[in-house]
Amino acid sequence: MMKRVFTIFILTLLLLFNSPVYSLDTSSNTLEKYTIKISNKFTRTYCNTTKFGISYDGALAFAIGETNKEFKNNKLNKFIDYSLLKNSIVNDLENNCQVYDFAISKLENLEFN
Protein backbone atom coordinates (compact mmCIF):
# COMPACT_ATOMS: atom_id res chain seq x y z
CA MET A 1 0.00 0.00 0.00
CA MET A 2 2.78 2.43 0.91
CA LYS A 3 4.66 1.69 -2.32
CA ARG A 4 1.57 2.41 -4.39
CA VAL A 5 0.94 5.77 -2.67
CA PHE A 6 4.60 6.71 -3.07
CA THR A 7 4.55 5.75 -6.76
CA ILE A 8 1.42 7.78 -7.44
CA PHE A 9 2.91 10.76 -5.61
CA ILE A 10 6.16 10.63 -7.63
CA LEU A 11 4.32 10.23 -10.94
CA THR A 12 2.07 13.17 -10.10
CA LEU A 13 5.09 15.34 -9.34
CA LEU A 14 6.80 14.32 -12.57
CA LEU A 15 3.74 15.10 -14.67
CA LEU A 16 2.99 18.43 -13.01
CA PHE A 17 6.51 19.85 -12.96
CA ASN A 18 7.94 18.71 -16.26
CA SER A 19 9.52 21.26 -18.57
CA PRO A 20 9.89 20.95 -22.32
CA VAL A 21 13.32 20.59 -23.88
CA TYR A 22 14.07 22.57 -27.01
CA SER A 23 16.63 21.74 -29.63
CA LEU A 24 19.44 24.10 -30.60
CA ASP A 25 18.00 27.00 -32.59
CA THR A 26 19.88 27.16 -35.88
CA SER A 27 17.78 29.49 -37.94
CA SER A 28 19.08 30.93 -41.17
CA ASN A 29 19.22 34.37 -39.56
CA THR A 30 21.50 33.08 -36.81
CA LEU A 31 23.80 31.41 -39.33
CA GLU A 32 23.90 34.52 -41.48
CA LYS A 33 24.89 36.70 -38.51
CA TYR A 34 27.56 34.16 -37.51
CA THR A 35 28.96 34.10 -41.06
CA ILE A 36 29.10 37.90 -41.14
CA LYS A 37 30.85 37.92 -37.77
CA ILE A 38 33.53 35.51 -39.02
CA SER A 39 33.94 37.49 -42.24
CA ASN A 40 34.33 40.78 -40.38
CA LYS A 41 36.91 39.29 -38.00
CA PHE A 42 39.00 37.89 -40.86
CA THR A 43 38.78 41.13 -42.85
CA ARG A 44 39.76 43.35 -39.90
CA THR A 45 42.69 41.10 -39.02
CA TYR A 46 43.94 40.87 -42.61
CA CYS A 47 43.62 44.62 -43.23
CA ASN A 48 45.32 45.61 -39.99
CA THR A 49 48.14 43.15 -40.52
CA THR A 50 48.89 44.38 -44.04
CA LYS A 51 48.82 48.00 -42.82
CA PHE A 52 51.58 47.14 -40.34
CA GLY A 53 53.80 46.21 -43.27
CA ILE A 54 53.59 42.44 -43.10
CA SER A 55 53.60 40.64 -46.45
CA TYR A 56 50.33 39.49 -47.97
CA ASP A 57 51.19 35.82 -47.38
CA GLY A 58 52.11 36.51 -43.76
CA ALA A 59 48.96 38.55 -43.24
CA LEU A 60 46.88 35.75 -44.76
CA ALA A 61 48.42 33.10 -42.50
CA PHE A 62 47.99 35.30 -39.43
CA ALA A 63 44.36 36.18 -40.25
CA ILE A 64 43.46 32.52 -40.87
CA GLY A 65 45.14 31.47 -37.63
CA GLU A 66 43.46 34.15 -35.53
CA THR A 67 40.05 33.50 -37.06
CA ASN A 68 40.37 29.73 -36.58
CA LYS A 69 41.47 30.25 -32.98
CA GLU A 70 38.54 32.50 -32.13
CA PHE A 71 35.75 30.48 -33.76
CA LYS A 72 36.97 26.87 -33.58
CA ASN A 73 34.77 25.71 -30.66
CA ASN A 74 31.41 27.16 -31.70
CA LYS A 75 28.40 24.85 -32.06
CA LEU A 76 27.33 26.54 -35.30
CA ASN A 77 30.50 25.55 -37.19
CA LYS A 78 28.96 22.36 -38.56
CA PHE A 79 26.24 24.39 -40.30
CA ILE A 80 28.49 26.94 -42.04
CA ASP A 81 28.28 27.25 -45.81
CA TYR A 82 31.98 27.74 -46.56
CA SER A 83 31.47 28.95 -50.13
CA LEU A 84 29.17 31.71 -48.86
CA LEU A 85 31.65 32.58 -46.10
CA LYS A 86 34.59 32.78 -48.50
CA ASN A 87 32.64 34.95 -50.95
CA SER A 88 31.65 37.24 -48.09
CA ILE A 89 35.30 37.57 -47.03
CA VAL A 90 36.41 38.45 -50.56
CA ASN A 91 33.64 41.05 -50.87
CA ASP A 92 34.54 42.57 -47.49
CA LEU A 93 38.21 42.73 -48.49
CA GLU A 94 37.27 44.59 -51.67
CA ASN A 95 34.95 47.01 -49.89
CA ASN A 96 36.96 47.67 -46.71
CA CYS A 97 40.61 47.16 -47.68
CA GLN A 98 40.58 47.81 -51.41
CA VAL A 99 42.15 44.39 -52.06
CA TYR A 100 40.77 43.48 -55.48
CA ASP A 101 42.99 40.57 -56.52
CA PHE A 102 42.34 38.24 -53.57
CA ALA A 103 41.61 34.69 -54.77
CA ILE A 104 39.07 32.52 -52.97
CA SER A 105 41.45 29.56 -53.26
CA LYS A 106 43.74 31.24 -50.69
CA LEU A 107 41.07 30.61 -48.04
CA GLU A 108 41.17 26.81 -48.23
CA ASN A 109 42.80 26.60 -44.76
CA LEU A 110 39.90 28.49 -43.17
CA GLU A 111 38.08 25.47 -41.75
CA PHE A 112 36.53 25.07 -38.31
CA ASN A 113 36.31 21.74 -36.49
C-alpha atoms as a PDB file:
ATOM      1  CA  MET A   1       0.000   0.000   0.000  1.00  0.00           C
ATOM      2  CA  MET A   2       2.780   2.431   0.915  1.00  0.00           C
ATOM      3  CA  LYS A   3       4.655   1.690  -2.318  1.00  0.00           C
ATOM      4  CA  ARG A   4       1.570   2.410  -4.385  1.00  0.00           C
ATOM      5  CA  VAL A   5       0.942   5.772  -2.672  1.00  0.00           C
ATOM      6  CA  PHE A   6       4.599   6.708  -3.066  1.00  0.00           C
ATOM      7  CA  THR A   7       4.553   5.750  -6.761  1.00  0.00           C
ATOM      8  CA  ILE A   8       1.416   7.781  -7.444  1.00  0.00           C
ATOM      9  CA  PHE A   9       2.913  10.757  -5.612  1.00  0.00           C
ATOM     10  CA  ILE A  10       6.159  10.625  -7.628  1.00  0.00           C
ATOM     11  CA  LEU A  11       4.324  10.232 -10.938  1.00  0.00           C
ATOM     12  CA  THR A  12       2.069  13.173 -10.104  1.00  0.00           C
ATOM     13  CA  LEU A  13       5.091  15.338  -9.335  1.00  0.00           C
ATOM     14  CA  LEU A  14       6.797  14.319 -12.572  1.00  0.00           C
ATOM     15  CA  LEU A  15       3.739  15.098 -14.668  1.00  0.00           C
ATOM     16  CA  LEU A  16       2.989  18.428 -13.007  1.00  0.00           C
ATOM     17  CA  PHE A  17       6.513  19.855 -12.958  1.00  0.00           C
ATOM     18  CA  ASN A  18       7.938  18.712 -16.264  1.00  0.00           C
ATOM     19  CA  SER A  19       9.520  21.257 -18.568  1.00  0.00           C
ATOM     20  CA  PRO A  20       9.892  20.949 -22.325  1.00  0.00           C
ATOM     21  CA  VAL A  21      13.316  20.586 -23.880  1.00  0.00           C
ATOM     22  CA  TYR A  22      14.066  22.570 -27.006  1.00  0.00           C
ATOM     23  CA  SER A  23      16.633  21.735 -29.632  1.00  0.00           C
ATOM     24  CA  LEU A  24      19.444  24.096 -30.603  1.00  0.00           C
ATOM     25  CA  ASP A  25      18.004  26.995 -32.585  1.00  0.00           C
ATOM     26  CA  THR A  26      19.879  27.159 -35.878  1.00  0.00           C
ATOM     27  CA  SER A  27      17.782  29.494 -37.935  1.00  0.00           C
ATOM     28  CA  SER A  28      19.079  30.930 -41.171  1.00  0.00           C
ATOM     29  CA  ASN A  29      19.222  34.370 -39.563  1.00  0.00           C
ATOM     30  CA  THR A  30      21.499  33.079 -36.809  1.00  0.00           C
ATOM     31  CA  LEU A  31      23.799  31.406 -39.326  1.00  0.00           C
ATOM     32  CA  GLU A  32      23.904  34.524 -41.482  1.00  0.00           C
ATOM     33  CA  LYS A  33      24.893  36.696 -38.508  1.00  0.00           C
ATOM     34  CA  TYR A  34      27.562  34.165 -37.511  1.00  0.00           C
ATOM     35  CA  THR A  35      28.963  34.097 -41.064  1.00  0.00           C
ATOM     36  CA  ILE A  36      29.102  37.897 -41.138  1.00  0.00           C
ATOM     37  CA  LYS A  37      30.848  37.924 -37.769  1.00  0.00           C
ATOM     38  CA  ILE A  38      33.533  35.509 -39.018  1.00  0.00           C
ATOM     39  CA  SER A  39      33.941  37.486 -42.243  1.00  0.00           C
ATOM     40  CA  ASN A  40      34.325  40.785 -40.375  1.00  0.00           C
ATOM     41  CA  LYS A  41      36.912  39.291 -38.005  1.00  0.00           C
ATOM     42  CA  PHE A  42      38.999  37.894 -40.861  1.00  0.00           C
ATOM     43  CA  THR A  43      38.776  41.131 -42.847  1.00  0.00           C
ATOM     44  CA  ARG A  44      39.757  43.350 -39.904  1.00  0.00           C
ATOM     45  CA  THR A  45      42.686  41.102 -39.016  1.00  0.00           C
ATOM     46  CA  TYR A  46      43.938  40.874 -42.605  1.00  0.00           C
ATOM     47  CA  CYS A  47      43.623  44.619 -43.235  1.00  0.00           C
ATOM     48  CA  ASN A  48      45.318  45.614 -39.990  1.00  0.00           C
ATOM     49  CA  THR A  49      48.142  43.146 -40.524  1.00  0.00           C
ATOM     50  CA  THR A  50      48.887  44.376 -44.039  1.00  0.00           C
ATOM     51  CA  LYS A  51      48.815  47.998 -42.819  1.00  0.00           C
ATOM     52  CA  PHE A  52      51.583  47.140 -40.345  1.00  0.00           C
ATOM     53  CA  GLY A  53      53.804  46.211 -43.274  1.00  0.00           C
ATOM     54  CA  ILE A  54      53.592  42.440 -43.095  1.00  0.00           C
ATOM     55  CA  SER A  55      53.601  40.642 -46.450  1.00  0.00           C
ATOM     56  CA  TYR A  56      50.334  39.488 -47.968  1.00  0.00           C
ATOM     57  CA  ASP A  57      51.194  35.823 -47.385  1.00  0.00           C
ATOM     58  CA  GLY A  58      52.111  36.509 -43.758  1.00  0.00           C
ATOM     59  CA  ALA A  59      48.958  38.551 -43.238  1.00  0.00           C
ATOM     60  CA  LEU A  60      46.880  35.755 -44.764  1.00  0.00           C
ATOM     61  CA  ALA A  61      48.423  33.101 -42.498  1.00  0.00           C
ATOM     62  CA  PHE A  62      47.992  35.303 -39.429  1.00  0.00           C
ATOM     63  CA  ALA A  63      44.362  36.184 -40.247  1.00  0.00           C
ATOM     64  CA  ILE A  64      43.462  32.523 -40.870  1.00  0.00           C
ATOM     65  CA  GLY A  65      45.143  31.465 -37.628  1.00  0.00           C
ATOM     66  CA  GLU A  66      43.463  34.146 -35.530  1.00  0.00           C
ATOM     67  CA  THR A  67      40.046  33.501 -37.057  1.00  0.00           C
ATOM     68  CA  ASN A  68      40.371  29.733 -36.584  1.00  0.00           C
ATOM     69  CA  LYS A  69      41.473  30.248 -32.983  1.00  0.00           C
ATOM     70  CA  GLU A  70      38.538  32.497 -32.129  1.00  0.00           C
ATOM     71  CA  PHE A  71      35.749  30.480 -33.764  1.00  0.00           C
ATOM     72  CA  LYS A  72      36.970  26.870 -33.578  1.00  0.00           C
ATOM     73  CA  ASN A  73      34.768  25.712 -30.663  1.00  0.00           C
ATOM     74  CA  ASN A  74      31.405  27.164 -31.698  1.00  0.00           C
ATOM     75  CA  LYS A  75      28.398  24.854 -32.062  1.00  0.00           C
ATOM     76  CA  LEU A  76      27.332  26.536 -35.298  1.00  0.00           C
ATOM     77  CA  ASN A  77      30.499  25.546 -37.186  1.00  0.00           C
ATOM     78  CA  LYS A  78      28.965  22.356 -38.556  1.00  0.00           C
ATOM     79  CA  PHE A  79      26.236  24.391 -40.300  1.00  0.00           C
ATOM     80  CA  ILE A  80      28.494  26.937 -42.040  1.00  0.00           C
ATOM     81  CA  ASP A  81      28.280  27.245 -45.809  1.00  0.00           C
ATOM     82  CA  TYR A  82      31.982  27.743 -46.560  1.00  0.00           C
ATOM     83  CA  SER A  83      31.466  28.946 -50.131  1.00  0.00           C
ATOM     84  CA  LEU A  84      29.171  31.713 -48.860  1.00  0.00           C
ATOM     85  CA  LEU A  85      31.653  32.579 -46.095  1.00  0.00           C
ATOM     86  CA  LYS A  86      34.589  32.784 -48.501  1.00  0.00           C
ATOM     87  CA  ASN A  87      32.638  34.949 -50.952  1.00  0.00           C
ATOM     88  CA  SER A  88      31.653  37.239 -48.087  1.00  0.00           C
ATOM     89  CA  ILE A  89      35.303  37.566 -47.033  1.00  0.00           C
ATOM     90  CA  VAL A  90      36.409  38.445 -50.561  1.00  0.00           C
ATOM     91  CA  ASN A  91      33.636  41.049 -50.870  1.00  0.00           C
ATOM     92  CA  ASP A  92      34.540  42.570 -47.495  1.00  0.00           C
ATOM     93  CA  LEU A  93      38.213  42.733 -48.486  1.00  0.00           C
ATOM     94  CA  GLU A  94      37.269  44.585 -51.669  1.00  0.00           C
ATOM     95  CA  ASN A  95      34.950  47.012 -49.886  1.00  0.00           C
ATOM     96  CA  ASN A  96      36.960  47.674 -46.708  1.00  0.00           C
ATOM     97  CA  CYS A  97      40.606  47.159 -47.676  1.00  0.00           C
ATOM     98  CA  GLN A  98      40.583  47.814 -51.415  1.00  0.00           C
ATOM     99  CA  VAL A  99      42.153  44.385 -52.059  1.00  0.00           C
ATOM    100  CA  TYR A 100      40.767  43.485 -55.481  1.00  0.00           C
ATOM    101  CA  ASP A 101      42.991  40.570 -56.524  1.00  0.00           C
ATOM    102  CA  PHE A 102      42.342  38.243 -53.572  1.00  0.00           C
ATOM    103  CA  ALA A 103      41.609  34.687 -54.775  1.00  0.00           C
ATOM    104  CA  ILE A 104      39.068  32.523 -52.968  1.00  0.00           C
ATOM    105  CA  SER A 105      41.453  29.564 -53.262  1.00  0.00           C
ATOM    106  CA  LYS A 106      43.735  31.243 -50.688  1.00  0.00           C
ATOM    107  CA  LEU A 107      41.067  30.615 -48.037  1.00  0.00           C
ATOM    108  CA  GLU A 108      41.169  26.809 -48.226  1.00  0.00           C
ATOM    109  CA  ASN A 109      42.804  26.601 -44.763  1.00  0.00           C
ATOM    110  CA  LEU A 110      39.901  28.493 -43.174  1.00  0.00           C
ATOM    111  CA  GLU A 111      38.075  25.469 -41.748  1.00  0.00           C
ATOM    112  CA  PHE A 112      36.531  25.068 -38.309  1.00  0.00           C
ATOM    113  CA  ASN A 113      36.314  21.745 -36.487  1.00  0.00           C
END
